[in-house]
All heavy atoms as atom14 arrays in JSON, in Angstrom:
{
  "sequence": "NEVLLLLDTEGLGDPEKGDTANDHSIYLLAILLSSILIYNGKNKIDQQ",
  "atom14_mask": [
    [1, 1, 1, 1, 1, 1, 1, 1, 0, 0, 0, 0, 0, 0],
    [1, 1, 1, 1, 1, 1, 1, 1, 1, 0, 0, 0, 0, 0],
    [1, 1, 1, 1, 1, 1, 1, 0, 0, 0, 0, 0, 0, 0],
    [1, 1, 1, 1, 1, 1, 1, 1, 0, 0, 0, 0, 0, 0],
    [1, 1, 1, 1, 1, 1, 1, 1, 0, 0, 0, 0, 0, 0],
    [1, 1, 1, 1, 1, 1, 1, 1, 0, 0, 0, 0, 0, 0],
    [1, 1, 1, 1, 1, 1, 1, 1, 0, 0, 0, 0, 0, 0],
    [1, 1, 1, 1, 1, 1, 1, 1, 0, 0, 0, 0, 0, 0],
    [1, 1, 1, 1, 1, 1, 1, 0, 0, 0, 0, 0, 0, 0],
    [1, 1, 1, 1, 1, 1, 1, 1, 1, 0, 0, 0, 0, 0],
    [1, 1, 1, 1, 0, 0, 0, 0, 0, 0, 0, 0, 0, 0],
    [1, 1, 1, 1, 1, 1, 1, 1, 0, 0, 0, 0, 0, 0],
    [1, 1, 1, 1, 0, 0, 0, 0, 0, 0, 0, 0, 0, 0],
    [1, 1, 1, 1, 1, 1, 1, 1, 0, 0, 0, 0, 0, 0],
    [1, 1, 1, 1, 1, 1, 1, 0, 0, 0, 0, 0, 0, 0],
    [1, 1, 1, 1, 1, 1, 1, 1, 1, 0, 0, 0, 0, 0],
    [1, 1, 1, 1, 1, 1, 1, 1, 1, 0, 0, 0, 0, 0],
    [1, 1, 1, 1, 0, 0, 0, 0, 0, 0, 0, 0, 0, 0],
    [1, 1, 1, 1, 1, 1, 1, 1, 0, 0, 0, 0, 0, 0],
    [1, 1, 1, 1, 1, 1, 1, 0, 0, 0, 0, 0, 0, 0],
    [1, 1, 1, 1, 1, 0, 0, 0, 0, 0, 0, 0, 0, 0],
    [1, 1, 1, 1, 1, 1, 1, 1, 0, 0, 0, 0, 0, 0],
    [1, 1, 1, 1, 1, 1, 1, 1, 0, 0, 0, 0, 0, 0],
    [1, 1, 1, 1, 1, 1, 1, 1, 1, 1, 0, 0, 0, 0],
    [1, 1, 1, 1, 1, 1, 0, 0, 0, 0, 0, 0, 0, 0],
    [1, 1, 1, 1, 1, 1, 1, 1, 0, 0, 0, 0, 0, 0],
    [1, 1, 1, 1, 1, 1, 1, 1, 1, 1, 1, 1, 0, 0],
    [1, 1, 1, 1, 1, 1, 1, 1, 0, 0, 0, 0, 0, 0],
    [1, 1, 1, 1, 1, 1, 1, 1, 0, 0, 0, 0, 0, 0],
    [1, 1, 1, 1, 1, 0, 0, 0, 0, 0, 0, 0, 0, 0],
    [1, 1, 1, 1, 1, 1, 1, 1, 0, 0, 0, 0, 0, 0],
    [1, 1, 1, 1, 1, 1, 1, 1, 0, 0, 0, 0, 0, 0],
    [1, 1, 1, 1, 1, 1, 1, 1, 0, 0, 0, 0, 0, 0],
    [1, 1, 1, 1, 1, 1, 0, 0, 0, 0, 0, 0, 0, 0],
    [1, 1, 1, 1, 1, 1, 0, 0, 0, 0, 0, 0, 0, 0],
    [1, 1, 1, 1, 1, 1, 1, 1, 0, 0, 0, 0, 0, 0],
    [1, 1, 1, 1, 1, 1, 1, 1, 0, 0, 0, 0, 0, 0],
    [1, 1, 1, 1, 1, 1, 1, 1, 0, 0, 0, 0, 0, 0],
    [1, 1, 1, 1, 1, 1, 1, 1, 1, 1, 1, 1, 0, 0],
    [1, 1, 1, 1, 1, 1, 1, 1, 0, 0, 0, 0, 0, 0],
    [1, 1, 1, 1, 0, 0, 0, 0, 0, 0, 0, 0, 0, 0],
    [1, 1, 1, 1, 1, 1, 1, 1, 1, 0, 0, 0, 0, 0],
    [1, 1, 1, 1, 1, 1, 1, 1, 0, 0, 0, 0, 0, 0],
    [1, 1, 1, 1, 1, 1, 1, 1, 1, 0, 0, 0, 0, 0],
    [1, 1, 1, 1, 1, 1, 1, 1, 0, 0, 0, 0, 0, 0],
    [1, 1, 1, 1, 1, 1, 1, 1, 0, 0, 0, 0, 0, 0],
    [1, 1, 1, 1, 1, 1, 1, 1, 1, 0, 0, 0, 0, 0],
    [1, 1, 1, 1, 1, 1, 1, 1, 1, 0, 0, 0, 0, 0]
  ],
  "atom14_positions": [
    [[-27.68, -0.9, 4.44], [-27.52, -0.77, 2.99], [-26.16, -1.22, 2.5], [-25.75, -0.91, 1.37], [-27.76, 0.69, 2.57], [-29.19, 1.13, 2.84], [-30.12, 0.36, 2.65], [-29.36, 2.35, 3.3], [0.0, 0.0, 0.0], [0.0, 0.0, 0.0], [0.0, 0.0, 0.0], [0.0, 0.0, 0.0], [0.0, 0.0, 0.0], [0.0, 0.0, 0.0]],
    [[-25.46, -1.97, 3.34], [-24.15, -2.51, 2.96], [-24.04, -3.95, 3.44], [-24.78, -4.39, 4.31], [-23.02, -1.66, 3.57], [-22.95, -0.25, 3.03], [-21.95, 0.62, 3.77], [-21.25, 0.09, 4.66], [-21.89, 1.81, 3.47], [0.0, 0.0, 0.0], [0.0, 0.0, 0.0], [0.0, 0.0, 0.0], [0.0, 0.0, 0.0], [0.0, 0.0, 0.0]],
    [[-23.09, -4.67, 2.87], [-22.86, -6.08, 3.22], [-21.39, -6.26, 3.54], [-20.52, -5.65, 2.91], [-23.28, -7.01, 2.05], [-22.68, -8.39, 2.21], [-24.8, -7.14, 1.98], [0.0, 0.0, 0.0], [0.0, 0.0, 0.0], [0.0, 0.0, 0.0], [0.0, 0.0, 0.0], [0.0, 0.0, 0.0], [0.0, 0.0, 0.0], [0.0, 0.0, 0.0]],
    [[-21.11, -7.1, 4.54], [-19.74, -7.43, 4.9], [-19.37, -8.74, 4.21], [-20.03, -9.76, 4.38], [-19.63, -7.6, 6.42], [-18.26, -8.06, 6.96], [-17.2, -7.0, 6.69], [-18.35, -8.35, 8.45], [0.0, 0.0, 0.0], [0.0, 0.0, 0.0], [0.0, 0.0, 0.0], [0.0, 0.0, 0.0], [0.0, 0.0, 0.0], [0.0, 0.0, 0.0]],
    [[-18.34, -8.7, 3.38], [-17.85, -9.9, 2.7], [-16.49, -10.26, 3.31], [-15.53, -9.5, 3.18], [-17.71, -9.66, 1.2], [-17.17, -10.84, 0.38], [-18.1, -12.04, 0.49], [-16.95, -10.45, -1.07], [0.0, 0.0, 0.0], [0.0, 0.0, 0.0], [0.0, 0.0, 0.0], [0.0, 0.0, 0.0], [0.0, 0.0, 0.0], [0.0, 0.0, 0.0]],
    [[-16.43, -11.41, 3.95], [-15.2, -11.88, 4.59], [-14.5, -12.88, 3.67], [-15.13, -13.81, 3.16], [-15.53, -12.55, 5.93], [-16.25, -11.66, 6.97], [-16.68, -12.49, 8.16], [-15.35, -10.51, 7.4], [0.0, 0.0, 0.0], [0.0, 0.0, 0.0], [0.0, 0.0, 0.0], [0.0, 0.0, 0.0], [0.0, 0.0, 0.0], [0.0, 0.0, 0.0]],
    [[-13.21, -12.68, 3.48], [-12.4, -13.57, 2.64], [-11.29, -14.18, 3.48], [-10.4, -13.47, 3.96], [-11.8, -12.81, 1.45], [-12.79, -12.14, 0.49], [-12.03, -11.43, -0.62], [-13.77, -13.15, -0.1], [0.0, 0.0, 0.0], [0.0, 0.0, 0.0], [0.0, 0.0, 0.0], [0.0, 0.0, 0.0], [0.0, 0.0, 0.0], [0.0, 0.0, 0.0]],
    [[-11.36, -15.48, 3.69], [-10.37, -16.22, 4.47], [-9.4, -16.89, 3.5], [-9.81, -17.7, 2.67], [-11.08, -17.27, 5.34], [-10.13, -17.94, 6.32], [-9.02, -17.41, 6.52], [-10.5, -18.98, 6.87], [0.0, 0.0, 0.0], [0.0, 0.0, 0.0], [0.0, 0.0, 0.0], [0.0, 0.0, 0.0], [0.0, 0.0, 0.0], [0.0, 0.0, 0.0]],
    [[-8.13, -16.53, 3.58], [-7.16, -17.01, 2.59], [-6.31, -18.17, 3.12], [-6.11, -18.32, 4.33], [-6.21, -15.88, 2.16], [-5.38, -15.51, 3.27], [-6.99, -14.67, 1.69], [0.0, 0.0, 0.0], [0.0, 0.0, 0.0], [0.0, 0.0, 0.0], [0.0, 0.0, 0.0], [0.0, 0.0, 0.0], [0.0, 0.0, 0.0], [0.0, 0.0, 0.0]],
    [[-5.82, -18.93, 2.2], [-4.89, -20.01, 2.52], [-3.62, -19.42, 3.13], [-3.12, -18.38, 2.69], [-4.57, -20.76, 1.23], [-3.66, -21.96, 1.4], [-3.53, -22.74, 0.1], [-4.41, -22.6, -0.77], [-2.54, -23.48, -0.02], [0.0, 0.0, 0.0], [0.0, 0.0, 0.0], [0.0, 0.0, 0.0], [0.0, 0.0, 0.0], [0.0, 0.0, 0.0]],
    [[-3.09, -20.09, 4.15], [-1.92, -19.56, 4.85], [-0.64, -19.62, 4.03], [-0.45, -20.51, 3.2], [0.0, 0.0, 0.0], [0.0, 0.0, 0.0], [0.0, 0.0, 0.0], [0.0, 0.0, 0.0], [0.0, 0.0, 0.0], [0.0, 0.0, 0.0], [0.0, 0.0, 0.0], [0.0, 0.0, 0.0], [0.0, 0.0, 0.0], [0.0, 0.0, 0.0]],
    [[0.2, -18.65, 4.27], [1.49, -18.58, 3.57], [2.45, -19.62, 4.13], [2.53, -19.85, 5.32], [2.08, -17.18, 3.77], [3.48, -16.92, 3.23], [3.48, -17.01, 1.72], [3.98, -15.56, 3.7], [0.0, 0.0, 0.0], [0.0, 0.0, 0.0], [0.0, 0.0, 0.0], [0.0, 0.0, 0.0], [0.0, 0.0, 0.0], [0.0, 0.0, 0.0]],
    [[3.17, -20.27, 3.21], [4.22, -21.18, 3.63], [3.74, -22.54, 4.09], [4.38, -23.18, 4.94], [0.0, 0.0, 0.0], [0.0, 0.0, 0.0], [0.0, 0.0, 0.0], [0.0, 0.0, 0.0], [0.0, 0.0, 0.0], [0.0, 0.0, 0.0], [0.0, 0.0, 0.0], [0.0, 0.0, 0.0], [0.0, 0.0, 0.0], [0.0, 0.0, 0.0]],
    [[2.61, -23.03, 3.54], [2.13, -24.36, 3.9], [3.12, -25.4, 3.38], [3.33, -25.52, 2.17], [0.74, -24.58, 3.27], [0.17, -25.96, 3.57], [0.8, -26.68, 4.37], [-0.9, -26.29, 3.03], [0.0, 0.0, 0.0], [0.0, 0.0, 0.0], [0.0, 0.0, 0.0], [0.0, 0.0, 0.0], [0.0, 0.0, 0.0], [0.0, 0.0, 0.0]],
    [[3.76, -26.19, 4.27], [4.77, -27.15, 3.81], [4.21, -28.25, 2.93], [4.92, -28.83, 2.12], [5.32, -27.73, 5.12], [4.25, -27.49, 6.14], [3.59, -26.21, 5.73], [0.0, 0.0, 0.0], [0.0, 0.0, 0.0], [0.0, 0.0, 0.0], [0.0, 0.0, 0.0], [0.0, 0.0, 0.0], [0.0, 0.0, 0.0], [0.0, 0.0, 0.0]],
    [[2.89, -28.54, 3.07], [2.28, -29.57, 2.22], [2.23, -29.14, 0.76], [2.37, -29.95, -0.15], [0.86, -29.86, 2.7], [0.8, -30.69, 3.96], [-0.63, -31.09, 4.28], [-1.33, -31.57, 3.37], [-1.04, -30.91, 5.43], [0.0, 0.0, 0.0], [0.0, 0.0, 0.0], [0.0, 0.0, 0.0], [0.0, 0.0, 0.0], [0.0, 0.0, 0.0]],
    [[2.01, -27.84, 0.56], [1.86, -27.36, -0.81], [3.21, -27.06, -1.44], [3.51, -27.49, -2.55], [0.98, -26.09, -0.82], [0.63, -25.63, -2.22], [-0.39, -24.51, -2.18], [0.16, -23.24, -1.58], [-0.76, -22.11, -1.71], [0.0, 0.0, 0.0], [0.0, 0.0, 0.0], [0.0, 0.0, 0.0], [0.0, 0.0, 0.0], [0.0, 0.0, 0.0]],
    [[4.03, -26.3, -0.73], [5.36, -25.99, -1.23], [5.38, -25.24, -2.53], [6.27, -25.42, -3.35], [0.0, 0.0, 0.0], [0.0, 0.0, 0.0], [0.0, 0.0, 0.0], [0.0, 0.0, 0.0], [0.0, 0.0, 0.0], [0.0, 0.0, 0.0], [0.0, 0.0, 0.0], [0.0, 0.0, 0.0], [0.0, 0.0, 0.0], [0.0, 0.0, 0.0]],
    [[4.37, -24.39, -2.75], [4.25, -23.65, -4.02], [4.17, -22.16, -3.71], [3.1, -21.62, -3.46], [3.0, -24.12, -4.76], [2.89, -23.51, -6.16], [3.68, -22.59, -6.46], [2.01, -23.93, -6.91], [0.0, 0.0, 0.0], [0.0, 0.0, 0.0], [0.0, 0.0, 0.0], [0.0, 0.0, 0.0], [0.0, 0.0, 0.0], [0.0, 0.0, 0.0]],
    [[5.32, -21.49, -3.72], [5.33, -20.07, -3.39], [4.63, -19.23, -4.45], [4.03, -18.2, -4.13], [6.78, -19.56, -3.22], [7.51, -19.85, -4.41], [7.45, -20.24, -2.04], [0.0, 0.0, 0.0], [0.0, 0.0, 0.0], [0.0, 0.0, 0.0], [0.0, 0.0, 0.0], [0.0, 0.0, 0.0], [0.0, 0.0, 0.0], [0.0, 0.0, 0.0]],
    [[4.68, -19.66, -5.71], [4.02, -18.9, -6.77], [2.52, -18.85, -6.53], [1.87, -17.83, -6.74], [4.32, -19.53, -8.13], [0.0, 0.0, 0.0], [0.0, 0.0, 0.0], [0.0, 0.0, 0.0], [0.0, 0.0, 0.0], [0.0, 0.0, 0.0], [0.0, 0.0, 0.0], [0.0, 0.0, 0.0], [0.0, 0.0, 0.0], [0.0, 0.0, 0.0]],
    [[1.96, -19.97, -6.07], [0.53, -20.01, -5.77], [0.21, -19.15, -4.56], [-0.83, -18.49, -4.52], [0.09, -21.45, -5.54], [-1.41, -21.61, -5.52], [-2.02, -21.73, -4.46], [-2.03, -21.59, -6.69], [0.0, 0.0, 0.0], [0.0, 0.0, 0.0], [0.0, 0.0, 0.0], [0.0, 0.0, 0.0], [0.0, 0.0, 0.0], [0.0, 0.0, 0.0]],
    [[1.11, -19.15, -3.56], [0.95, -18.25, -2.41], [0.87, -16.8, -2.88], [0.03, -16.03, -2.42], [2.14, -18.4, -1.44], [2.06, -19.68, -0.63], [0.97, -20.3, -0.59], [3.09, -20.06, -0.04], [0.0, 0.0, 0.0], [0.0, 0.0, 0.0], [0.0, 0.0, 0.0], [0.0, 0.0, 0.0], [0.0, 0.0, 0.0], [0.0, 0.0, 0.0]],
    [[1.76, -16.45, -3.8], [1.8, -15.09, -4.33], [0.46, -14.73, -4.97], [-0.07, -13.63, -4.76], [2.93, -14.95, -5.36], [4.29, -15.09, -4.77], [5.43, -15.09, -5.53], [4.7, -15.23, -3.49], [6.49, -15.22, -4.75], [6.07, -15.32, -3.51], [0.0, 0.0, 0.0], [0.0, 0.0, 0.0], [0.0, 0.0, 0.0], [0.0, 0.0, 0.0]],
    [[-0.08, -15.65, -5.76], [-1.34, -15.39, -6.48], [-2.49, -15.15, -5.5], [-3.31, -14.26, -5.68], [-1.68, -16.56, -7.41], [-0.7, -16.69, -8.41], [0.0, 0.0, 0.0], [0.0, 0.0, 0.0], [0.0, 0.0, 0.0], [0.0, 0.0, 0.0], [0.0, 0.0, 0.0], [0.0, 0.0, 0.0], [0.0, 0.0, 0.0], [0.0, 0.0, 0.0]],
    [[-2.56, -15.96, -4.45], [-3.63, -15.83, -3.46], [-3.52, -14.51, -2.71], [-4.5, -13.79, -2.53], [-3.62, -17.03, -2.49], [-4.1, -18.29, -3.23], [-4.51, -16.76, -1.28], [-4.02, -19.56, -2.42], [0.0, 0.0, 0.0], [0.0, 0.0, 0.0], [0.0, 0.0, 0.0], [0.0, 0.0, 0.0], [0.0, 0.0, 0.0], [0.0, 0.0, 0.0]],
    [[-2.3, -14.17, -2.28], [-2.11, -12.91, -1.56], [-2.4, -11.73, -2.46], [-3.01, -10.74, -2.05], [-0.67, -12.83, -1.03], [-0.51, -13.38, 0.34], [-0.88, -14.7, 0.62], [0.0, -12.61, 1.38], [-0.74, -15.22, 1.89], [0.15, -13.13, 2.66], [-0.22, -14.44, 2.91], [-0.09, -14.94, 4.16], [0.0, 0.0, 0.0], [0.0, 0.0, 0.0]],
    [[-1.96, -11.84, -3.71], [-2.18, -10.78, -4.68], [-3.68, -10.55, -4.89], [-4.17, -9.42, -4.92], [-1.52, -11.16, -6.0], [-1.32, -10.07, -7.05], [-0.49, -8.94, -6.49], [-0.65, -10.66, -8.28], [0.0, 0.0, 0.0], [0.0, 0.0, 0.0], [0.0, 0.0, 0.0], [0.0, 0.0, 0.0], [0.0, 0.0, 0.0], [0.0, 0.0, 0.0]],
    [[-4.41, -11.64, -5.01], [-5.85, -11.55, -5.21], [-6.52, -10.94, -3.99], [-7.46, -10.14, -4.12], [-6.41, -12.95, -5.48], [-7.81, -13.03, -6.1], [-7.88, -12.23, -7.4], [-8.19, -14.48, -6.35], [0.0, 0.0, 0.0], [0.0, 0.0, 0.0], [0.0, 0.0, 0.0], [0.0, 0.0, 0.0], [0.0, 0.0, 0.0], [0.0, 0.0, 0.0]],
    [[-6.06, -11.28, -2.79], [-6.63, -10.72, -1.56], [-6.45, -9.2, -1.53], [-7.36, -8.46, -1.15], [-5.97, -11.36, -0.33], [0.0, 0.0, 0.0], [0.0, 0.0, 0.0], [0.0, 0.0, 0.0], [0.0, 0.0, 0.0], [0.0, 0.0, 0.0], [0.0, 0.0, 0.0], [0.0, 0.0, 0.0], [0.0, 0.0, 0.0], [0.0, 0.0, 0.0]],
    [[-5.28, -8.74, -1.95], [-5.01, -7.3, -1.98], [-5.92, -6.6, -2.99], [-6.51, -5.55, -2.73], [-3.53, -7.03, -2.32], [-2.63, -7.47, -1.16], [-3.29, -5.55, -2.63], [-1.15, -7.42, -1.48], [0.0, 0.0, 0.0], [0.0, 0.0, 0.0], [0.0, 0.0, 0.0], [0.0, 0.0, 0.0], [0.0, 0.0, 0.0], [0.0, 0.0, 0.0]],
    [[-6.05, -7.2, -4.17], [-6.83, -6.59, -5.25], [-8.32, -6.55, -4.96], [-9.02, -5.64, -5.41], [-6.58, -7.35, -6.55], [-5.19, -7.19, -7.16], [-4.96, -8.24, -8.24], [-4.99, -5.8, -7.72], [0.0, 0.0, 0.0], [0.0, 0.0, 0.0], [0.0, 0.0, 0.0], [0.0, 0.0, 0.0], [0.0, 0.0, 0.0], [0.0, 0.0, 0.0]],
    [[-8.81, -7.53, -4.22], [-10.26, -7.64, -4.01], [-10.75, -6.95, -2.74], [-11.93, -6.63, -2.64], [-10.67, -9.12, -3.95], [-10.51, -9.94, -5.23], [-10.95, -11.38, -4.99], [-11.3, -9.32, -6.38], [0.0, 0.0, 0.0], [0.0, 0.0, 0.0], [0.0, 0.0, 0.0], [0.0, 0.0, 0.0], [0.0, 0.0, 0.0], [0.0, 0.0, 0.0]],
    [[-9.89, -6.72, -1.78], [-10.36, -6.25, -0.48], [-10.32, -4.74, -0.33], [-9.57, -4.04, -1.02], [-9.55, -6.9, 0.64], [-8.17, -6.61, 0.5], [0.0, 0.0, 0.0], [0.0, 0.0, 0.0], [0.0, 0.0, 0.0], [0.0, 0.0, 0.0], [0.0, 0.0, 0.0], [0.0, 0.0, 0.0], [0.0, 0.0, 0.0], [0.0, 0.0, 0.0]],
    [[-11.14, -4.24, 0.58], [-11.08, -2.83, 0.97], [-10.38, -2.69, 2.31], [-9.9, -1.61, 2.66], [-12.49, -2.23, 1.04], [-13.33, -2.96, 1.9], [0.0, 0.0, 0.0], [0.0, 0.0, 0.0], [0.0, 0.0, 0.0], [0.0, 0.0, 0.0], [0.0, 0.0, 0.0], [0.0, 0.0, 0.0], [0.0, 0.0, 0.0], [0.0, 0.0, 0.0]],
    [[-10.35, -3.78, 3.1], [-9.59, -3.83, 4.35], [-8.78, -5.12, 4.35], [-9.35, -6.21, 4.18], [-10.51, -3.78, 5.58], [-11.33, -2.49, 5.61], [-9.7, -3.91, 6.88], [-12.34, -2.43, 6.74], [0.0, 0.0, 0.0], [0.0, 0.0, 0.0], [0.0, 0.0, 0.0], [0.0, 0.0, 0.0], [0.0, 0.0, 0.0], [0.0, 0.0, 0.0]],
    [[-7.48, -5.02, 4.53], [-6.61, -6.19, 4.56], [-6.09, -6.38, 5.98], [-5.43, -5.51, 6.53], [-5.44, -5.99, 3.59], [-4.47, -7.17, 3.48], [-5.1, -8.32, 2.71], [-3.17, -6.73, 2.79], [0.0, 0.0, 0.0], [0.0, 0.0, 0.0], [0.0, 0.0, 0.0], [0.0, 0.0, 0.0], [0.0, 0.0, 0.0], [0.0, 0.0, 0.0]],
    [[-6.39, -7.55, 6.57], [-5.91, -7.87, 7.91], [-4.69, -8.77, 7.79], [-4.75, -9.83, 7.14], [-7.0, -8.58, 8.75], [-8.2, -7.66, 8.95], [-6.44, -9.01, 10.09], [-9.35, -8.32, 9.71], [0.0, 0.0, 0.0], [0.0, 0.0, 0.0], [0.0, 0.0, 0.0], [0.0, 0.0, 0.0], [0.0, 0.0, 0.0], [0.0, 0.0, 0.0]],
    [[-3.59, -8.35, 8.4], [-2.4, -9.19, 8.48], [-2.36, -9.81, 9.86], [-2.28, -9.11, 10.87], [-1.15, -8.36, 8.22], [0.13, -9.15, 8.35], [0.51, -10.06, 7.38], [0.94, -9.0, 9.47], [1.68, -10.8, 7.5], [2.12, -9.73, 9.6], [2.48, -10.63, 8.62], [3.63, -11.36, 8.75], [0.0, 0.0, 0.0], [0.0, 0.0, 0.0]],
    [[-2.45, -11.13, 9.91], [-2.53, -11.86, 11.18], [-1.13, -12.37, 11.53], [-0.62, -13.3, 10.91], [-3.51, -13.02, 11.02], [-3.85, -13.67, 12.35], [-4.4, -13.03, 13.22], [-3.51, -14.95, 12.49], [0.0, 0.0, 0.0], [0.0, 0.0, 0.0], [0.0, 0.0, 0.0], [0.0, 0.0, 0.0], [0.0, 0.0, 0.0], [0.0, 0.0, 0.0]],
    [[-0.5, -11.72, 12.53], [0.85, -12.09, 12.95], [0.85, -12.66, 14.35], [-0.14, -12.6, 15.07], [0.0, 0.0, 0.0], [0.0, 0.0, 0.0], [0.0, 0.0, 0.0], [0.0, 0.0, 0.0], [0.0, 0.0, 0.0], [0.0, 0.0, 0.0], [0.0, 0.0, 0.0], [0.0, 0.0, 0.0], [0.0, 0.0, 0.0], [0.0, 0.0, 0.0]],
    [[1.99, -13.21, 14.75], [2.1, -13.87, 16.06], [3.09, -13.16, 16.96], [4.15, -12.7, 16.53], [2.53, -15.33, 15.87], [1.51, -16.2, 15.16], [0.35, -16.6, 16.04], [0.69, -17.76, 16.92], [-0.47, -18.25, 17.7], [0.0, 0.0, 0.0], [0.0, 0.0, 0.0], [0.0, 0.0, 0.0], [0.0, 0.0, 0.0], [0.0, 0.0, 0.0]],
    [[2.71, -13.05, 18.22], [3.58, -12.7, 19.35], [4.01, -11.24, 19.45], [3.83, -10.6, 20.49], [4.83, -13.58, 19.38], [4.49, -15.05, 19.42], [4.92, -15.8, 18.56], [3.69, -15.48, 20.38], [0.0, 0.0, 0.0], [0.0, 0.0, 0.0], [0.0, 0.0, 0.0], [0.0, 0.0, 0.0], [0.0, 0.0, 0.0], [0.0, 0.0, 0.0]],
    [[4.55, -10.67, 18.37], [5.08, -9.3, 18.48], [5.4, -8.77, 17.07], [5.36, -9.5, 16.08], [6.34, -9.28, 19.33], [7.44, -10.18, 18.79], [8.64, -10.22, 19.73], [9.7, -11.21, 19.2], [10.88, -11.25, 20.08], [0.0, 0.0, 0.0], [0.0, 0.0, 0.0], [0.0, 0.0, 0.0], [0.0, 0.0, 0.0], [0.0, 0.0, 0.0]],
    [[5.71, -7.48, 17.01], [6.2, -6.89, 15.76], [7.72, -6.85, 15.86], [8.28, -6.11, 16.67], [5.64, -5.46, 15.55], [4.11, -5.48, 15.5], [6.2, -4.87, 14.26], [3.49, -4.09, 15.38], [0.0, 0.0, 0.0], [0.0, 0.0, 0.0], [0.0, 0.0, 0.0], [0.0, 0.0, 0.0], [0.0, 0.0, 0.0], [0.0, 0.0, 0.0]],
    [[8.38, -7.66, 15.05], [9.83, -7.67, 15.05], [10.33, -7.65, 13.6], [9.54, -7.56, 12.67], [10.37, -8.89, 15.81], [9.85, -10.2, 15.25], [9.25, -10.19, 14.15], [10.01, -11.24, 15.91], [0.0, 0.0, 0.0], [0.0, 0.0, 0.0], [0.0, 0.0, 0.0], [0.0, 0.0, 0.0], [0.0, 0.0, 0.0], [0.0, 0.0, 0.0]],
    [[11.64, -7.73, 13.46], [12.22, -7.66, 12.13], [11.71, -8.77, 11.22], [11.45, -8.55, 10.03], [13.76, -7.73, 12.23], [14.49, -7.47, 10.94], [14.37, -6.03, 10.45], [13.87, -5.16, 11.16], [14.83, -5.78, 9.23], [0.0, 0.0, 0.0], [0.0, 0.0, 0.0], [0.0, 0.0, 0.0], [0.0, 0.0, 0.0], [0.0, 0.0, 0.0]],
    [[11.52, -9.96, 11.79], [11.06, -11.08, 10.98], [9.62, -10.87, 10.5], [9.29, -11.13, 9.34], [11.15, -12.39, 11.78], [10.76, -13.63, 10.96], [11.59, -13.79, 9.71], [12.83, -13.77, 9.76], [10.94, -13.93, 8.56], [0.0, 0.0, 0.0], [0.0, 0.0, 0.0], [0.0, 0.0, 0.0], [0.0, 0.0, 0.0], [0.0, 0.0, 0.0]]
  ]
}
C-alpha cells in the first residue's frame, strides 16, 4: 500500500556547470521533497 519514489540529484560542484546557486536550489528541493535524505560521501567521515 506504499510506493518508493527515488530521486537522483545532480552532483554538487560540477565544474562544467559552475553554478553554485543552481546547486543550492537542487539540494534545497531534495530536502523539501524527501522523507529520507541520503548523503553519499567518499572514503571516511572527516572535517572536510
